[in-house]
Amino acid sequence: MEGLKLSTSELVKQIFQSALNLDDDFELDDSMRFEGVPGWDSLGHLRIVMEIESAINSSLEMEEIIPLDTVQKIRDLVESRTP
């Protein structure tokens, strides 16, 4: 699959699925907050951050991590950090 570029939406869904072990059919919506996503607790948040860093091949600063409390904010961050 090398050379295949995922859309930001697909990449974010993949990040959440991998970090939180979500089912493939789980509907991720931009308006969702951490309370509405199964497994998105403090440990889940760390897993999401690690998956983001792996996807963008870069480390995130604490100032970038703390405000990530919605799917939309994560999507915006991923989109801003991917070519």
PDB file of N, CA and C in Angstrom:
ATOM      1  N   MET A   1       0.813  -1.206   0.000  1.00  0.00           N
ATOM      2  CA  MET A   1       0.000   0.000   0.000  1.00  0.00           C
ATOM      3  C   MET A   1       0.848   1.258   0.000  1.00  0.00           C
ATOM      4  N   GLU A   2       2.134   1.095  -0.106  1.00  0.00           N
ATOM      5  CA  GLU A   2       2.986   2.262  -0.140  1.00  0.00           C
ATOM      6  C   GLU A   2       2.632   3.114  -1.352  1.00  0.00           C
ATOM      7  N   GLY A   3       2.686   4.445  -1.140  1.00  0.00           N
ATOM      8  CA  GLY A   3       2.353   5.345  -2.217  1.00  0.00           C
ATOM      9  C   GLY A   3       0.902   5.762  -2.202  1.00  0.00           C
ATOM     10  N   LEU A   4       0.088   5.081  -1.407  1.00  0.00           N
ATOM     11  CA  LEU A   4      -1.315   5.428  -1.294  1.00  0.00           C
ATOM     12  C   LEU A   4      -1.474   6.452  -0.188  1.00  0.00           C
ATOM     13  N   LYS A   5      -2.037   7.626  -0.503  1.00  0.00           N
ATOM     14  CA  LYS A   5      -2.200   8.670   0.495  1.00  0.00           C
ATOM     15  C   LYS A   5      -3.638   8.669   0.984  1.00  0.00           C
ATOM     16  N   LEU A   6      -3.797   8.560   2.295  1.00  0.00           N
ATOM     17  CA  LEU A   6      -5.126   8.608   2.893  1.00  0.00           C
ATOM     18  C   LEU A   6      -5.599  10.047   2.983  1.00  0.00           C
ATOM     19  N   SER A   7      -6.912  10.234   2.889  1.00  0.00           N
ATOM     20  CA  SER A   7      -7.465  11.557   3.157  1.00  0.00           C
ATOM     21  C   SER A   7      -7.319  11.819   4.651  1.00  0.00           C
ATOM     22  N   THR A   8      -7.426  13.069   5.054  1.00  0.00           N
ATOM     23  CA  THR A   8      -7.336  13.404   6.476  1.00  0.00           C
ATOM     24  C   THR A   8      -8.395  12.659   7.269  1.00  0.00           C
ATOM     25  N   SER A   9      -9.604  12.576   6.738  1.00  0.00           N
ATOM     26  CA  SER A   9     -10.689  11.863   7.427  1.00  0.00           C
ATOM     27  C   SER A   9     -10.339  10.401   7.639  1.00  0.00           C
ATOM     28  N   GLU A  10      -9.809   9.768   6.608  1.00  0.00           N
ATOM     29  CA  GLU A  10      -9.426   8.358   6.714  1.00  0.00           C
ATOM     30  C   GLU A  10      -8.272   8.168   7.703  1.00  0.00           C
ATOM     31  N   LEU A  11      -7.324   9.079   7.668  1.00  0.00           N
ATOM     32  CA  LEU A  11      -6.185   9.002   8.574  1.00  0.00           C
ATOM     33  C   LEU A  11      -6.626   9.173  10.027  1.00  0.00           C
ATOM     34  N   VAL A  12      -7.498  10.128  10.285  1.00  0.00           N
ATOM     35  CA  VAL A  12      -7.992  10.354  11.648  1.00  0.00           C
ATOM     36  C   VAL A  12      -8.782   9.139  12.134  1.00  0.00           C
ATOM     37  N   LYS A  13      -9.609   8.580  11.274  1.00  0.00           N
ATOM     38  CA  LYS A  13     -10.357   7.381  11.655  1.00  0.00           C
ATOM     39  C   LYS A  13      -9.397   6.243  11.974  1.00  0.00           C
ATOM     40  N   GLN A  14      -8.363   6.087  11.175  1.00  0.00           N
ATOM     41  CA  GLN A  14      -7.358   5.044  11.399  1.00  0.00           C
ATOM     42  C   GLN A  14      -6.620   5.277  12.723  1.00  0.00           C
ATOM     43  N   ILE A  15      -6.312   6.532  13.028  1.00  0.00           N
ATOM     44  CA  ILE A  15      -5.655   6.878  14.290  1.00  0.00           C
ATOM     45  C   ILE A  15      -6.530   6.449  15.466  1.00  0.00           C
ATOM     46  N   PHE A  16      -7.804   6.809  15.419  1.00  0.00           N
ATOM     47  CA  PHE A  16      -8.723   6.462  16.505  1.00  0.00           C
ATOM     48  C   PHE A  16      -8.915   4.954  16.609  1.00  0.00           C
ATOM     49  N   GLN A  17      -9.077   4.285  15.488  1.00  0.00           N
ATOM     50  CA  GLN A  17      -9.278   2.837  15.508  1.00  0.00           C
ATOM     51  C   GLN A  17      -8.068   2.135  16.120  1.00  0.00           C
ATOM     52  N   SER A  18      -6.894   2.553  15.727  1.00  0.00           N
ATOM     53  CA  SER A  18      -5.681   1.922  16.221  1.00  0.00           C
ATOM     54  C   SER A  18      -5.456   2.235  17.705  1.00  0.00           C
ATOM     55  N   ALA A  19      -5.631   3.489  18.085  1.00  0.00           N
ATOM     56  CA  ALA A  19      -5.367   3.902  19.470  1.00  0.00           C
ATOM     57  C   ALA A  19      -6.391   3.352  20.447  1.00  0.00           C
ATOM     58  N   LEU A  20      -7.652   3.282  20.031  1.00  0.00           N
ATOM     59  CA  LEU A  20      -8.730   2.929  20.959  1.00  0.00           C
ATOM     60  C   LEU A  20      -9.392   1.599  20.658  1.00  0.00           C
ATOM     61  N   ASN A  21      -8.861   0.879  19.671  1.00  0.00           N
ATOM     62  CA  ASN A  21      -9.434  -0.418  19.288  1.00  0.00           C
ATOM     63  C   ASN A  21     -10.921  -0.321  18.935  1.00  0.00           C
ATOM     64  N   LEU A  22     -11.283   0.704  18.188  1.00  0.00           N
ATOM     65  CA  LEU A  22     -12.676   0.888  17.783  1.00  0.00           C
ATOM     66  C   LEU A  22     -13.016  -0.047  16.630  1.00  0.00           C
ATOM     67  N   ASP A  23     -14.266  -0.459  16.569  1.00  0.00           N
ATOM     68  CA  ASP A  23     -14.735  -1.282  15.461  1.00  0.00           C
ATOM     69  C   ASP A  23     -14.647  -0.495  14.162  1.00  0.00           C
ATOM     70  N   ASP A  24     -14.474  -1.224  13.058  1.00  0.00           N
ATOM     71  CA  ASP A  24     -14.396  -0.578  11.740  1.00  0.00           C
ATOM     72  C   ASP A  24     -15.647   0.217  11.409  1.00  0.00           C
ATOM     73  N   ASP A  25     -16.787  -0.211  11.938  1.00  0.00           N
ATOM     74  CA  ASP A  25     -18.041   0.463  11.608  1.00  0.00           C
ATOM     75  C   ASP A  25     -18.397   1.591  12.577  1.00  0.00           C
ATOM     76  N   PHE A  26     -17.497   1.902  13.525  1.00  0.00           N
ATOM     77  CA  PHE A  26     -17.762   3.011  14.445  1.00  0.00           C
ATOM     78  C   PHE A  26     -17.777   4.320  13.668  1.00  0.00           C
ATOM     79  N   GLU A  27     -18.836   5.081  13.814  1.00  0.00           N
ATOM     80  CA  GLU A  27     -18.980   6.354  13.097  1.00  0.00           C
ATOM     81  C   GLU A  27     -18.336   7.479  13.902  1.00  0.00           C
ATOM     82  N   LEU A  28     -17.242   7.985  13.424  1.00  0.00           N
ATOM     83  CA  LEU A  28     -16.523   9.077  14.062  1.00  0.00           C
ATOM     84  C   LEU A  28     -17.013  10.378  13.457  1.00  0.00           C
ATOM     85  N   ASP A  29     -17.466  11.288  14.296  1.00  0.00           N
ATOM     86  CA  ASP A  29     -18.023  12.559  13.846  1.00  0.00           C
ATOM     87  C   ASP A  29     -17.172  13.693  14.395  1.00  0.00           C
ATOM     88  N   ASP A  30     -16.943  14.721  13.587  1.00  0.00           N
ATOM     89  CA  ASP A  30     -16.101  15.850  13.994  1.00  0.00           C
ATOM     90  C   ASP A  30     -16.575  16.511  15.283  1.00  0.00           C
ATOM     91  N   SER A  31     -17.864  16.494  15.550  1.00  0.00           N
ATOM     92  CA  SER A  31     -18.394  17.176  16.731  1.00  0.00           C
ATOM     93  C   SER A  31     -18.212  16.356  18.011  1.00  0.00           C
ATOM     94  N   MET A  32     -17.746  15.119  17.885  1.00  0.00           N
ATOM     95  CA  MET A  32     -17.588  14.263  19.067  1.00  0.00           C
ATOM     96  C   MET A  32     -16.490  14.780  19.977  1.00  0.00           C
ATOM     97  N   ARG A  33     -16.816  14.752  21.275  1.00  0.00           N
ATOM     98  CA  ARG A  33     -15.837  15.087  22.305  1.00  0.00           C
ATOM     99  C   ARG A  33     -15.343  13.789  22.924  1.00  0.00           C
ATOM    100  N   PHE A  34     -14.336  13.885  23.757  1.00  0.00           N
ATOM    101  CA  PHE A  34     -13.743  12.687  24.337  1.00  0.00           C
ATOM    102  C   PHE A  34     -14.761  11.825  25.082  1.00  0.00           C
ATOM    103  N   GLU A  35     -15.781  12.446  25.684  1.00  0.00           N
ATOM    104  CA  GLU A  35     -16.777  11.676  26.433  1.00  0.00           C
ATOM    105  C   GLU A  35     -17.608  10.771  25.523  1.00  0.00           C
ATOM    106  N   GLY A  36     -17.721  11.109  24.253  1.00  0.00           N
ATOM    107  CA  GLY A  36     -18.572  10.372  23.334  1.00  0.00           C
ATOM    108  C   GLY A  36     -17.888   9.278  22.542  1.00  0.00           C
ATOM    109  N   VAL A  37     -16.594   9.108  22.770  1.00  0.00           N
ATOM    110  CA  VAL A  37     -15.835   8.106  22.026  1.00  0.00           C
ATOM    111  C   VAL A  37     -15.353   7.034  23.010  1.00  0.00           C
ATOM    112  N   PRO A  38     -15.775   5.790  22.816  1.00  0.00           N
ATOM    113  CA  PRO A  38     -15.375   4.719  23.730  1.00  0.00           C
ATOM    114  C   PRO A  38     -13.860   4.596  23.848  1.00  0.00           C
ATOM    115  N   GLY A  39     -13.380   4.561  25.084  1.00  0.00           N
ATOM    116  CA  GLY A  39     -11.955   4.395  25.318  1.00  0.00           C
ATOM    117  C   GLY A  39     -11.145   5.673  25.335  1.00  0.00           C
ATOM    118  N   TRP A  40     -11.786   6.818  25.041  1.00  0.00           N
ATOM    119  CA  TRP A  40     -11.036   8.076  25.023  1.00  0.00           C
ATOM    120  C   TRP A  40     -10.998   8.652  26.428  1.00  0.00           C
ATOM    121  N   ASP A  41     -10.180   8.041  27.261  1.00  0.00           N
ATOM    122  CA  ASP A  41      -9.917   8.526  28.600  1.00  0.00           C
ATOM    123  C   ASP A  41      -8.482   9.042  28.608  1.00  0.00           C
ATOM    124  N   SER A  42      -7.899   9.215  29.781  1.00  0.00           N
ATOM    125  CA  SER A  42      -6.538   9.775  29.815  1.00  0.00           C
ATOM    126  C   SER A  42      -5.522   8.861  29.130  1.00  0.00           C
ATOM    127  N   LEU A  43      -5.632   7.562  29.345  1.00  0.00           N
ATOM    128  CA  LEU A  43      -4.724   6.627  28.678  1.00  0.00           C
ATOM    129  C   LEU A  43      -5.007   6.583  27.172  1.00  0.00           C
ATOM    130  N   GLY A  44      -6.282   6.601  26.805  1.00  0.00           N
ATOM    131  CA  GLY A  44      -6.652   6.638  25.393  1.00  0.00           C
ATOM    132  C   GLY A  44      -6.119   7.889  24.708  1.00  0.00           C
ATOM    133  N   HIS A  45      -6.127   9.002  25.444  1.00  0.00           N
ATOM    134  CA  HIS A  45      -5.623  10.266  24.890  1.00  0.00           C
ATOM    135  C   HIS A  45      -4.134  10.137  24.570  1.00  0.00           C
ATOM    136  N   LEU A  46      -3.390   9.507  25.480  1.00  0.00           N
ATOM    137  CA  LEU A  46      -1.959   9.296  25.226  1.00  0.00           C
ATOM    138  C   LEU A  46      -1.744   8.408  24.006  1.00  0.00           C
ATOM    139  N   ARG A  47      -2.575   7.395  23.872  1.00  0.00           N
ATOM    140  CA  ARG A  47      -2.466   6.512  22.702  1.00  0.00           C
ATOM    141  C   ARG A  47      -2.768   7.268  21.415  1.00  0.00           C
ATOM    142  N   ILE A  48      -3.795   8.123  21.452  1.00  0.00           N
ATOM    143  CA  ILE A  48      -4.136   8.936  20.278  1.00  0.00           C
ATOM    144  C   ILE A  48      -2.959   9.829  19.907  1.00  0.00           C
ATOM    145  N   VAL A  49      -2.358  10.481  20.910  1.00  0.00           N
ATOM    146  CA  VAL A  49      -1.214  11.364  20.658  1.00  0.00           C
ATOM    147  C   VAL A  49      -0.063  10.576  20.033  1.00  0.00           C
ATOM    148  N   MET A  50       0.212   9.389  20.559  1.00  0.00           N
ATOM    149  CA  MET A  50       1.290   8.571  19.995  1.00  0.00           C
ATOM    150  C   MET A  50       0.989   8.181  18.553  1.00  0.00           C
ATOM    151  N   GLU A  51      -0.266   7.861  18.252  1.00  0.00           N
ATOM    152  CA  GLU A  51      -0.654   7.513  16.879  1.00  0.00           C
ATOM    153  C   GLU A  51      -0.536   8.728  15.955  1.00  0.00           C
ATOM    154  N   ILE A  52      -0.915   9.899  16.456  1.00  0.00           N
ATOM    155  CA  ILE A  52      -0.771  11.128  15.646  1.00  0.00           C
ATOM    156  C   ILE A  52       0.710  11.349  15.334  1.00  0.00           C
ATOM    157  N   GLU A  53       1.553  11.266  16.369  1.00  0.00           N
ATOM    158  CA  GLU A  53       2.982  11.495  16.166  1.00  0.00           C
ATOM    159  C   GLU A  53       3.561  10.506  15.165  1.00  0.00           C
ATOM    160  N   SER A  54       3.113   9.277  15.229  1.00  0.00           N
ATOM    161  CA  SER A  54       3.577   8.270  14.271  1.00  0.00           C
ATOM    162  C   SER A  54       3.097   8.606  12.860  1.00  0.00           C
ATOM    163  N   ALA A  55       1.853   9.043  12.740  1.00  0.00           N
ATOM    164  CA  ALA A  55       1.279   9.353  11.424  1.00  0.00           C
ATOM    165  C   ALA A  55       1.941  10.560  10.771  1.00  0.00           C
ATOM    166  N   ILE A  56       2.297  11.555  11.588  1.00  0.00           N
ATOM    167  CA  ILE A  56       2.897  12.768  11.022  1.00  0.00           C
ATOM    168  C   ILE A  56       4.418  12.731  11.077  1.00  0.00           C
ATOM    169  N   ASN A  57       4.957  11.654  11.690  1.00  0.00           N
ATOM    170  CA  ASN A  57       6.401  11.479  11.799  1.00  0.00           C
ATOM    171  C   ASN A  57       7.077  12.676  12.470  1.00  0.00           C
ATOM    172  N   SER A  58       6.449  13.122  13.564  1.00  0.00           N
ATOM    173  CA  SER A  58       6.949  14.281  14.293  1.00  0.00           C
ATOM    174  C   SER A  58       6.382  14.263  15.705  1.00  0.00           C
ATOM    175  N   SER A  59       7.096  14.884  16.625  1.00  0.00           N
ATOM    176  CA  SER A  59       6.614  14.995  18.002  1.00  0.00           C
ATOM    177  C   SER A  59       5.693  16.210  18.141  1.00  0.00           C
ATOM    178  N   LEU A  60       4.745  16.089  19.053  1.00  0.00           N
ATOM    179  CA  LEU A  60       3.854  17.195  19.355  1.00  0.00           C
ATOM    180  C   LEU A  60       4.323  17.883  20.629  1.00  0.00           C
ATOM    181  N   GLU A  61       4.119  19.173  20.689  1.00  0.00           N
ATOM    182  CA  GLU A  61       4.430  19.947  21.887  1.00  0.00           C
ATOM    183  C   GLU A  61       3.246  19.875  22.845  1.00  0.00           C
ATOM    184  N   MET A  62       3.507  20.037  24.131  1.00  0.00           N
ATOM    185  CA  MET A  62       2.449  19.989  25.134  1.00  0.00           C
ATOM    186  C   MET A  62       1.330  20.984  24.810  1.00  0.00           C
ATOM    187  N   GLU A  63       1.692  22.136  24.290  1.00  0.00           N
ATOM    188  CA  GLU A  63       0.705  23.154  23.945  1.00  0.00           C
ATOM    189  C   GLU A  63      -0.242  22.682  22.834  1.00  0.00           C
ATOM    190  N   GLU A  64       0.220  21.749  22.023  1.00  0.00           N
ATOM    191  CA  GLU A  64      -0.618  21.187  20.964  1.00  0.00           C
ATOM    192  C   GLU A  64      -1.490  20.058  21.495  1.00  0.00           C
ATOM    193  N   ILE A  65      -0.998  19.338  22.480  1.00  0.00           N
ATOM    194  CA  ILE A  65      -1.688  18.155  22.990  1.00  0.00           C
ATOM    195  C   ILE A  65      -2.865  18.510  23.899  1.00  0.00           C
ATOM    196  N   ILE A  66      -2.651  19.441  24.802  1.00  0.00           N
ATOM    197  CA  ILE A  66      -3.654  19.753  25.831  1.00  0.00           C
ATOM    198  C   ILE A  66      -5.023  20.112  25.262  1.00  0.00           C
ATOM    199  N   PRO A  67      -5.129  20.946  24.243  1.00  0.00           N
ATOM    200  CA  PRO A  67      -6.474  21.322  23.767  1.00  0.00           C
ATOM    201  C   PRO A  67      -7.194  20.271  22.919  1.00  0.00           C
ATOM    202  N   LEU A  68      -6.588  19.118  22.669  1.00  0.00           N
ATOM    203  CA  LEU A  68      -7.196  18.111  21.795  1.00  0.00           C
ATOM    204  C   LEU A  68      -8.316  17.359  22.515  1.00  0.00           C
ATOM    205  N   ASP A  69      -9.511  17.959  22.539  1.00  0.00           N
ATOM    206  CA  ASP A  69     -10.631  17.316  23.230  1.00  0.00           C
ATOM    207  C   ASP A  69     -11.815  17.010  22.316  1.00  0.00           C
ATOM    208  N   THR A  70     -11.658  17.273  21.021  1.00  0.00           N
ATOM    209  CA  THR A  70     -12.696  16.914  20.045  1.00  0.00           C
ATOM    210  C   THR A  70     -12.044  16.278  18.822  1.00  0.00           C
ATOM    211  N   VAL A  71     -12.832  15.518  18.106  1.00  0.00           N
ATOM    212  CA  VAL A  71     -12.353  14.913  16.862  1.00  0.00           C
ATOM    213  C   VAL A  71     -11.959  16.019  15.881  1.00  0.00           C
ATOM    214  N   GLN A  72     -12.730  17.097  15.831  1.00  0.00           N
ATOM    215  CA  GLN A  72     -12.430  18.205  14.911  1.00  0.00           C
ATOM    216  C   GLN A  72     -11.050  18.809  15.194  1.00  0.00           C
ATOM    217  N   LYS A  73     -10.724  19.022  16.460  1.00  0.00           N
ATOM    218  CA  LYS A  73      -9.417  19.598  16.800  1.00  0.00           C
ATOM    219  C   LYS A  73      -8.287  18.658  16.387  1.00  0.00           C
ATOM    220  N   ILE A  74      -8.508  17.363  16.541  1.00  0.00           N
ATOM    221  CA  ILE A  74      -7.500  16.396  16.121  1.00  0.00           C
ATOM    222  C   ILE A  74      -7.382  16.395  14.604  1.00  0.00           C
ATOM    223  N   ARG A  75      -8.510  16.435  13.912  1.00  0.00           N
ATOM    224  CA  ARG A  75      -8.493  16.486  12.448  1.00  0.00           C
ATOM    225  C   ARG A  75      -7.743  17.735  11.970  1.00  0.00           C
ATOM    226  N   ASP A  76      -8.024  18.881  12.585  1.00  0.00           N
ATOM    227  CA  ASP A  76      -7.356  20.131  12.201  1.00  0.00           C
ATOM    228  C   ASP A  76      -5.848  20.040  12.418  1.00  0.00           C
ATOM    229  N   LEU A  77      -5.453  19.465  13.543  1.00  0.00           N
ATOM    230  CA  LEU A  77      -4.027  19.323  13.830  1.00  0.00           C
ATOM    231  C   LEU A  77      -3.362  18.403  12.808  1.00  0.00           C
ATOM    232  N   VAL A  78      -3.962  17.255  12.567  1.00  0.00           N
ATOM    233  CA  VAL A  78      -3.404  16.301  11.605  1.00  0.00           C
ATOM    234  C   VAL A  78      -3.310  16.945  10.223  1.00  0.00           C
ATOM    235  N   GLU A  79      -4.358  17.647   9.832  1.00  0.00           N
ATOM    236  CA  GLU A  79      -4.354  18.285   8.513  1.00  0.00           C
ATOM    237  C   GLU A  79      -3.271  19.344   8.409  1.00  0.00           C
ATOM    238  N   SER A  80      -3.048  20.089   9.487  1.00  0.00           N
ATOM    239  CA  SER A  80      -2.034  21.140   9.449  1.00  0.00           C
ATOM    240  C   SER A  80      -0.607  20.593   9.458  1.00  0.00           C
ATOM    241  N   ARG A  81      -0.438  19.342   9.897  1.00  0.00           N
ATOM    242  CA  ARG A  81       0.902  18.781  10.034  1.00  0.00           C
ATOM    243  C   ARG A  81       1.230  17.716   8.974  1.00  0.00           C
ATOM    244  N   THR A  82       0.305  17.474   8.043  1.00  0.00           N
ATOM    245  CA  THR A  82       0.592  16.511   6.975  1.00  0.00           C
ATOM    246  C   THR A  82       0.667  17.246   5.642  1.00  0.00           C
ATOM    247  N   PRO A  83       1.564  16.782   4.772  1.00  0.00           N
ATOM    248  CA  PRO A  83       1.720  17.445   3.463  1.00  0.00           C
ATOM    249  C   PRO A  83       0.523  17.231   2.556  1.00  0.00           C
TER     250      PRO A  83
END
